[in-house]
Amino acid sequence: MPAQCAAITMTNVNVHMLTRQASLTLSKEDIYRAALLDPLTATNLTMDETVALCDDLIAAHGDWLPRFDQFSVPAKSSAG
């Protein structure tokens, strides 16, 4: 894949990877990080609006989601 195509693709892949991380850590902070890096979200919302949107979505769909921040599992280090 040409470097310019890979770079464009990675903007979305990074969001998916951070979303996966949030599902493992059950941390709202990880959800916020994923949403804040999403290109479409970042174009249309401020940081505070993005955090509020995440909180609203968790509240609205909480019955379908695990309990975020009920506990937090430390992220595994990629080193070693």
PDB file of N, CA and C in Angstrom:
ATOM      1  N   MET A   1       0.852  -1.160   0.000  1.00  0.00           N
ATOM      2  CA  MET A   1       0.000   0.000   0.000  1.00  0.00           C
ATOM      3  C   MET A   1       0.907   1.234   0.000  1.00  0.00           C
ATOM      4  N   PRO A   2       0.613   2.199  -0.842  1.00  0.00           N
ATOM      5  CA  PRO A   2       1.418   3.423  -0.842  1.00  0.00           C
ATOM      6  C   PRO A   2       1.348   4.127   0.521  1.00  0.00           C
ATOM      7  N   ALA A   3       2.418   4.775   0.894  1.00  0.00           N
ATOM      8  CA  ALA A   3       2.527   5.412   2.216  1.00  0.00           C
ATOM      9  C   ALA A   3       1.384   6.396   2.467  1.00  0.00           C
ATOM     10  N   GLN A   4       0.991   7.160   1.452  1.00  0.00           N
ATOM     11  CA  GLN A   4      -0.077   8.141   1.647  1.00  0.00           C
ATOM     12  C   GLN A   4      -1.421   7.459   1.930  1.00  0.00           C
ATOM     13  N   CYS A   5      -1.662   6.318   1.329  1.00  0.00           N
ATOM     14  CA  CYS A   5      -2.894   5.559   1.603  1.00  0.00           C
ATOM     15  C   CYS A   5      -2.850   4.954   3.002  1.00  0.00           C
ATOM     16  N   ALA A   6      -1.709   4.433   3.386  1.00  0.00           N
ATOM     17  CA  ALA A   6      -1.560   3.865   4.725  1.00  0.00           C
ATOM     18  C   ALA A   6      -1.756   4.941   5.783  1.00  0.00           C
ATOM     19  N   ALA A   7      -1.248   6.131   5.536  1.00  0.00           N
ATOM     20  CA  ALA A   7      -1.391   7.219   6.508  1.00  0.00           C
ATOM     21  C   ALA A   7      -2.856   7.596   6.701  1.00  0.00           C
ATOM     22  N   ILE A   8      -3.608   7.678   5.624  1.00  0.00           N
ATOM     23  CA  ILE A   8      -5.031   8.008   5.719  1.00  0.00           C
ATOM     24  C   ILE A   8      -5.780   6.891   6.440  1.00  0.00           C
ATOM     25  N   THR A   9      -5.458   5.662   6.123  1.00  0.00           N
ATOM     26  CA  THR A   9      -6.110   4.520   6.754  1.00  0.00           C
ATOM     27  C   THR A   9      -5.823   4.474   8.249  1.00  0.00           C
ATOM     28  N   MET A  10      -4.601   4.789   8.637  1.00  0.00           N
ATOM     29  CA  MET A  10      -4.221   4.700  10.048  1.00  0.00           C
ATOM     30  C   MET A  10      -4.985   5.670  10.934  1.00  0.00           C
ATOM     31  N   THR A  11      -5.483   6.787  10.380  1.00  0.00           N
ATOM     32  CA  THR A  11      -6.264   7.700  11.215  1.00  0.00           C
ATOM     33  C   THR A  11      -7.508   6.996  11.744  1.00  0.00           C
ATOM     34  N   ASN A  12      -8.072   6.085  10.960  1.00  0.00           N
ATOM     35  CA  ASN A  12      -9.230   5.320  11.412  1.00  0.00           C
ATOM     36  C   ASN A  12      -8.829   4.076  12.199  1.00  0.00           C
ATOM     37  N   VAL A  13      -7.765   3.425  11.794  1.00  0.00           N
ATOM     38  CA  VAL A  13      -7.305   2.227  12.495  1.00  0.00           C
ATOM     39  C   VAL A  13      -6.929   2.577  13.936  1.00  0.00           C
ATOM     40  N   ASN A  14      -6.295   3.719  14.149  1.00  0.00           N
ATOM     41  CA  ASN A  14      -5.917   4.132  15.499  1.00  0.00           C
ATOM     42  C   ASN A  14      -7.146   4.297  16.391  1.00  0.00           C
ATOM     43  N   VAL A  15      -8.217   4.835  15.851  1.00  0.00           N
ATOM     44  CA  VAL A  15      -9.459   4.976  16.614  1.00  0.00           C
ATOM     45  C   VAL A  15      -9.984   3.602  16.995  1.00  0.00           C
ATOM     46  N   HIS A  16      -9.950   2.656  16.080  1.00  0.00           N
ATOM     47  CA  HIS A  16     -10.427   1.298  16.356  1.00  0.00           C
ATOM     48  C   HIS A  16      -9.565   0.627  17.419  1.00  0.00           C
ATOM     49  N   MET A  17      -8.265   0.830  17.346  1.00  0.00           N
ATOM     50  CA  MET A  17      -7.366   0.226  18.325  1.00  0.00           C
ATOM     51  C   MET A  17      -7.614   0.809  19.722  1.00  0.00           C
ATOM     52  N   LEU A  18      -7.850   2.109  19.791  1.00  0.00           N
ATOM     53  CA  LEU A  18      -8.133   2.726  21.087  1.00  0.00           C
ATOM     54  C   LEU A  18      -9.493   2.295  21.621  1.00  0.00           C
ATOM     55  N   THR A  19     -10.460   2.088  20.735  1.00  0.00           N
ATOM     56  CA  THR A  19     -11.768   1.590  21.166  1.00  0.00           C
ATOM     57  C   THR A  19     -11.622   0.185  21.742  1.00  0.00           C
ATOM     58  N   ARG A  20     -10.821  -0.630  21.096  1.00  0.00           N
ATOM     59  CA  ARG A  20     -10.539  -1.972  21.612  1.00  0.00           C
ATOM     60  C   ARG A  20      -9.891  -1.877  22.984  1.00  0.00           C
ATOM     61  N   GLN A  21      -8.952  -0.967  23.137  1.00  0.00           N
ATOM     62  CA  GLN A  21      -8.291  -0.777  24.421  1.00  0.00           C
ATOM     63  C   GLN A  21      -9.314  -0.418  25.499  1.00  0.00           C
ATOM     64  N   ALA A  22     -10.259   0.448  25.161  1.00  0.00           N
ATOM     65  CA  ALA A  22     -11.303   0.838  26.126  1.00  0.00           C
ATOM     66  C   ALA A  22     -12.141  -0.361  26.535  1.00  0.00           C
ATOM     67  N   SER A  23     -12.390  -1.259  25.599  1.00  0.00           N
ATOM     68  CA  SER A  23     -13.187  -2.442  25.938  1.00  0.00           C
ATOM     69  C   SER A  23     -12.434  -3.383  26.877  1.00  0.00           C
ATOM     70  N   LEU A  24     -11.117  -3.323  26.853  1.00  0.00           N
ATOM     71  CA  LEU A  24     -10.315  -4.169  27.737  1.00  0.00           C
ATOM     72  C   LEU A  24     -10.106  -3.534  29.106  1.00  0.00           C
ATOM     73  N   THR A  25      -9.925  -2.231  29.144  1.00  0.00           N
ATOM     74  CA  THR A  25      -9.649  -1.548  30.409  1.00  0.00           C
ATOM     75  C   THR A  25     -10.916  -1.101  31.117  1.00  0.00           C
ATOM     76  N   LEU A  26     -12.027  -1.008  30.379  1.00  0.00           N
ATOM     77  CA  LEU A  26     -13.289  -0.484  30.915  1.00  0.00           C
ATOM     78  C   LEU A  26     -13.118   0.917  31.492  1.00  0.00           C
ATOM     79  N   SER A  27     -12.280   1.695  30.844  1.00  0.00           N
ATOM     80  CA  SER A  27     -11.971   3.050  31.298  1.00  0.00           C
ATOM     81  C   SER A  27     -12.629   4.080  30.383  1.00  0.00           C
ATOM     82  N   LYS A  28     -13.370   4.998  30.982  1.00  0.00           N
ATOM     83  CA  LYS A  28     -13.963   6.078  30.191  1.00  0.00           C
ATOM     84  C   LYS A  28     -12.883   6.938  29.553  1.00  0.00           C
ATOM     85  N   GLU A  29     -11.764   7.097  30.222  1.00  0.00           N
ATOM     86  CA  GLU A  29     -10.674   7.892  29.656  1.00  0.00           C
ATOM     87  C   GLU A  29     -10.227   7.316  28.307  1.00  0.00           C
ATOM     88  N   ASP A  30     -10.195   5.995  28.201  1.00  0.00           N
ATOM     89  CA  ASP A  30      -9.816   5.372  26.931  1.00  0.00           C
ATOM     90  C   ASP A  30     -10.889   5.584  25.861  1.00  0.00           C
ATOM     91  N   ILE A  31     -12.143   5.613  26.278  1.00  0.00           N
ATOM     92  CA  ILE A  31     -13.213   5.920  25.324  1.00  0.00           C
ATOM     93  C   ILE A  31     -13.050   7.346  24.819  1.00  0.00           C
ATOM     94  N   TYR A  32     -12.802   8.268  25.743  1.00  0.00           N
ATOM     95  CA  TYR A  32     -12.618   9.666  25.354  1.00  0.00           C
ATOM     96  C   TYR A  32     -11.449   9.813  24.383  1.00  0.00           C
ATOM     97  N   ARG A  33     -10.350   9.130  24.660  1.00  0.00           N
ATOM     98  CA  ARG A  33      -9.179   9.226  23.774  1.00  0.00           C
ATOM     99  C   ARG A  33      -9.518   8.755  22.361  1.00  0.00           C
ATOM    100  N   ALA A  34     -10.243   7.657  22.269  1.00  0.00           N
ATOM    101  CA  ALA A  34     -10.623   7.149  20.947  1.00  0.00           C
ATOM    102  C   ALA A  34     -11.507   8.153  20.218  1.00  0.00           C
ATOM    103  N   ALA A  35     -12.514   8.671  20.902  1.00  0.00           N
ATOM    104  CA  ALA A  35     -13.434   9.614  20.267  1.00  0.00           C
ATOM    105  C   ALA A  35     -12.729  10.908  19.885  1.00  0.00           C
ATOM    106  N   LEU A  36     -11.821  11.370  20.723  1.00  0.00           N
ATOM    107  CA  LEU A  36     -11.116  12.616  20.443  1.00  0.00           C
ATOM    108  C   LEU A  36     -10.196  12.498  19.234  1.00  0.00           C
ATOM    109  N   LEU A  37      -9.718  11.294  18.941  1.00  0.00           N
ATOM    110  CA  LEU A  37      -8.849  11.096  17.777  1.00  0.00           C
ATOM    111  C   LEU A  37      -9.616  10.806  16.491  1.00  0.00           C
ATOM    112  N   ASP A  38     -10.917  10.548  16.596  1.00  0.00           N
ATOM    113  CA  ASP A  38     -11.698  10.287  15.397  1.00  0.00           C
ATOM    114  C   ASP A  38     -11.729  11.542  14.530  1.00  0.00           C
ATOM    115  N   PRO A  39     -11.344  11.438  13.254  1.00  0.00           N
ATOM    116  CA  PRO A  39     -11.278  12.629  12.404  1.00  0.00           C
ATOM    117  C   PRO A  39     -12.621  13.363  12.257  1.00  0.00           C
ATOM    118  N   LEU A  40     -13.700  12.644  12.111  1.00  0.00           N
ATOM    119  CA  LEU A  40     -15.002  13.287  11.931  1.00  0.00           C
ATOM    120  C   LEU A  40     -15.457  13.981  13.210  1.00  0.00           C
ATOM    121  N   THR A  41     -15.263  13.322  14.336  1.00  0.00           N
ATOM    122  CA  THR A  41     -15.638  13.920  15.615  1.00  0.00           C
ATOM    123  C   THR A  41     -14.814  15.179  15.873  1.00  0.00           C
ATOM    124  N   ALA A  42     -13.514  15.090  15.667  1.00  0.00           N
ATOM    125  CA  ALA A  42     -12.629  16.221  15.914  1.00  0.00           C
ATOM    126  C   ALA A  42     -12.942  17.415  15.016  1.00  0.00           C
ATOM    127  N   THR A  43     -13.468  17.144  13.837  1.00  0.00           N
ATOM    128  CA  THR A  43     -13.824  18.215  12.905  1.00  0.00           C
ATOM    129  C   THR A  43     -15.083  18.943  13.346  1.00  0.00           C
ATOM    130  N   ASN A  44     -15.987  18.254  14.007  1.00  0.00           N
ATOM    131  CA  ASN A  44     -17.308  18.813  14.289  1.00  0.00           C
ATOM    132  C   ASN A  44     -17.563  19.203  15.739  1.00  0.00           C
ATOM    133  N   LEU A  45     -16.791  18.676  16.677  1.00  0.00           N
ATOM    134  CA  LEU A  45     -17.056  18.928  18.089  1.00  0.00           C
ATOM    135  C   LEU A  45     -15.810  19.415  18.804  1.00  0.00           C
ATOM    136  N   THR A  46     -16.024  20.205  19.846  1.00  0.00           N
ATOM    137  CA  THR A  46     -14.915  20.587  20.713  1.00  0.00           C
ATOM    138  C   THR A  46     -14.575  19.390  21.600  1.00  0.00           C
ATOM    139  N   MET A  47     -13.483  19.503  22.323  1.00  0.00           N
ATOM    140  CA  MET A  47     -13.105  18.411  23.224  1.00  0.00           C
ATOM    141  C   MET A  47     -14.174  18.203  24.287  1.00  0.00           C
ATOM    142  N   ASP A  48     -14.669  19.283  24.868  1.00  0.00           N
ATOM    143  CA  ASP A  48     -15.712  19.154  25.893  1.00  0.00           C
ATOM    144  C   ASP A  48     -16.986  18.544  25.320  1.00  0.00           C
ATOM    145  N   GLU A  49     -17.357  18.917  24.104  1.00  0.00           N
ATOM    146  CA  GLU A  49     -18.548  18.349  23.466  1.00  0.00           C
ATOM    147  C   GLU A  49     -18.361  16.867  23.179  1.00  0.00           C
ATOM    148  N   THR A  50     -17.151  16.479  22.813  1.00  0.00           N
ATOM    149  CA  THR A  50     -16.870  15.070  22.538  1.00  0.00           C
ATOM    150  C   THR A  50     -16.994  14.229  23.800  1.00  0.00           C
ATOM    151  N   VAL A  51     -16.444  14.718  24.892  1.00  0.00           N
ATOM    152  CA  VAL A  51     -16.548  14.009  26.173  1.00  0.00           C
ATOM    153  C   VAL A  51     -18.012  13.901  26.589  1.00  0.00           C
ATOM    154  N   ALA A  52     -18.762  15.000  26.441  1.00  0.00           N
ATOM    155  CA  ALA A  52     -20.192  14.982  26.787  1.00  0.00           C
ATOM    156  C   ALA A  52     -20.950  13.997  25.904  1.00  0.00           C
ATOM    157  N   LEU A  53     -20.617  13.949  24.617  1.00  0.00           N
ATOM    158  CA  LEU A  53     -21.254  13.002  23.701  1.00  0.00           C
ATOM    159  C   LEU A  53     -20.993  11.566  24.152  1.00  0.00           C
ATOM    160  N   CYS A  54     -19.748  11.261  24.504  1.00  0.00           N
ATOM    161  CA  CYS A  54     -19.414   9.913  24.986  1.00  0.00           C
ATOM    162  C   CYS A  54     -20.222   9.571  26.228  1.00  0.00           C
ATOM    163  N   ASP A  55     -20.283  10.498  27.165  1.00  0.00           N
ATOM    164  CA  ASP A  55     -21.048  10.260  28.388  1.00  0.00           C
ATOM    165  C   ASP A  55     -22.526  10.043  28.087  1.00  0.00           C
ATOM    166  N   ASP A  56     -23.073  10.842  27.164  1.00  0.00           N
ATOM    167  CA  ASP A  56     -24.478  10.688  26.780  1.00  0.00           C
ATOM    168  C   ASP A  56     -24.730   9.328  26.125  1.00  0.00           C
ATOM    169  N   LEU A  57     -23.820   8.906  25.259  1.00  0.00           N
ATOM    170  CA  LEU A  57     -23.978   7.614  24.587  1.00  0.00           C
ATOM    171  C   LEU A  57     -23.874   6.454  25.570  1.00  0.00           C
ATOM    172  N   ILE A  58     -22.962   6.558  26.523  1.00  0.00           N
ATOM    173  CA  ILE A  58     -22.842   5.507  27.542  1.00  0.00           C
ATOM    174  C   ILE A  58     -24.107   5.459  28.383  1.00  0.00           C
ATOM    175  N   ALA A  59     -24.636   6.622  28.744  1.00  0.00           N
ATOM    176  CA  ALA A  59     -25.870   6.659  29.538  1.00  0.00           C
ATOM    177  C   ALA A  59     -27.049   6.090  28.754  1.00  0.00           C
ATOM    178  N   ALA A  60     -27.129   6.420  27.484  1.00  0.00           N
ATOM    179  CA  ALA A  60     -28.256   5.978  26.661  1.00  0.00           C
ATOM    180  C   ALA A  60     -28.205   4.490  26.347  1.00  0.00           C
ATOM    181  N   HIS A  61     -27.003   3.945  26.207  1.00  0.00           N
ATOM    182  CA  HIS A  61     -26.849   2.552  25.793  1.00  0.00           C
ATOM    183  C   HIS A  61     -26.204   1.696  26.873  1.00  0.00           C
ATOM    184  N   GLY A  62     -26.217   2.192  28.101  1.00  0.00           N
ATOM    185  CA  GLY A  62     -25.535   1.520  29.200  1.00  0.00           C
ATOM    186  C   GLY A  62     -25.991   0.093  29.453  1.00  0.00           C
ATOM    187  N   ASP A  63     -27.254  -0.212  29.147  1.00  0.00           N
ATOM    188  CA  ASP A  63     -27.737  -1.579  29.352  1.00  0.00           C
ATOM    189  C   ASP A  63     -27.043  -2.571  28.427  1.00  0.00           C
ATOM    190  N   TRP A  64     -26.479  -2.082  27.336  1.00  0.00           N
ATOM    191  CA  TRP A  64     -25.812  -2.948  26.355  1.00  0.00           C
ATOM    192  C   TRP A  64     -24.299  -2.967  26.538  1.00  0.00           C
ATOM    193  N   LEU A  65     -23.805  -2.157  27.472  1.00  0.00           N
ATOM    194  CA  LEU A  65     -22.365  -2.009  27.653  1.00  0.00           C
ATOM    195  C   LEU A  65     -21.920  -2.534  29.007  1.00  0.00           C
ATOM    196  N   PRO A  66     -20.635  -2.882  29.115  1.00  0.00           N
ATOM    197  CA  PRO A  66     -20.111  -3.198  30.443  1.00  0.00           C
ATOM    198  C   PRO A  66     -20.078  -1.917  31.274  1.00  0.00           C
ATOM    199  N   ARG A  67     -19.897  -2.042  32.545  1.00  0.00           N
ATOM    200  CA  ARG A  67     -19.853  -0.877  33.439  1.00  0.00           C
ATOM    201  C   ARG A  67     -18.468  -0.243  33.386  1.00  0.00           C
ATOM    202  N   PHE A  68     -18.348   0.819  32.604  1.00  0.00           N
ATOM    203  CA  PHE A  68     -17.069   1.497  32.482  1.00  0.00           C
ATOM    204  C   PHE A  68     -16.720   2.200  33.777  1.00  0.00           C
ATOM    205  N   ASP A  69     -15.452   2.154  34.122  1.00  0.00           N
ATOM    206  CA  ASP A  69     -14.882   2.741  35.328  1.00  0.00           C
ATOM    207  C   ASP A  69     -15.398   2.084  36.601  1.00  0.00           C
ATOM    208  N   GLN A  70     -16.110   0.961  36.482  1.00  0.00           N
ATOM    209  CA  GLN A  70     -16.466   0.184  37.664  1.00  0.00           C
ATOM    210  C   GLN A  70     -15.168  -0.357  38.272  1.00  0.00           C
ATOM    211  N   PHE A  71     -14.300  -0.758  37.387  1.00  0.00           N
ATOM    212  CA  PHE A  71     -12.940  -1.103  37.767  1.00  0.00           C
ATOM    213  C   PHE A  71     -12.077  -0.836  36.555  1.00  0.00           C
ATOM    214  N   SER A  72     -10.819  -0.673  36.755  1.00  0.00           N
ATOM    215  CA  SER A  72      -9.926  -0.388  35.641  1.00  0.00           C
ATOM    216  C   SER A  72      -8.789  -1.380  35.667  1.00  0.00           C
ATOM    217  N   VAL A  73      -8.600  -2.038  34.545  1.00  0.00           N
ATOM    218  CA  VAL A  73      -7.520  -3.006  34.405  1.00  0.00           C
ATOM    219  C   VAL A  73      -6.340  -2.283  33.801  1.00  0.00           C
ATOM    220  N   PRO A  74      -5.164  -2.352  34.425  1.00  0.00           N
ATOM    221  CA  PRO A  74      -4.008  -1.662  33.853  1.00  0.00           C
ATOM    222  C   PRO A  74      -3.711  -2.176  32.444  1.00  0.00           C
ATOM    223  N   ALA A  75      -3.362  -1.262  31.571  1.00  0.00           N
ATOM    224  CA  ALA A  75      -3.016  -1.631  30.206  1.00  0.00           C
ATOM    225  C   ALA A  75      -1.717  -2.426  30.220  1.00  0.00           C
ATOM    226  N   LYS A  76      -1.661  -3.451  29.373  1.00  0.00           N
ATOM    227  CA  LYS A  76      -0.445  -4.255  29.262  1.00  0.00           C
ATOM    228  C   LYS A  76       0.611  -3.453  28.527  1.00  0.00           C
ATOM    229  N   SER A  77       1.814  -3.544  28.993  1.00  0.00           N
ATOM    230  CA  SER A  77       2.925  -2.871  28.340  1.00  0.00           C
ATOM    231  C   SER A  77       3.305  -3.635  27.095  1.00  0.00           C
ATOM    232  N   SER A  78       3.610  -2.901  26.027  1.00  0.00           N
ATOM    233  CA  SER A  78       4.032  -3.557  24.791  1.00  0.00           C
ATOM    234  C   SER A  78       5.519  -3.902  24.852  1.00  0.00           C
ATOM    235  N   ALA A  79       6.215  -3.379  25.842  1.00  0.00           N
ATOM    236  CA  ALA A  79       7.646  -3.692  25.983  1.00  0.00           C
ATOM    237  C   ALA A  79       7.826  -5.014  26.724  1.00  0.00           C
ATOM    238  N   GLY A  80       8.823  -5.750  26.331  1.00  0.00           N
ATOM    239  CA  GLY A  80       9.216  -6.942  27.060  1.00  0.00           C
ATOM    240  C   GLY A  80       8.387  -8.082  26.853  1.00  0.00           C
TER     241      GLY A  80
END
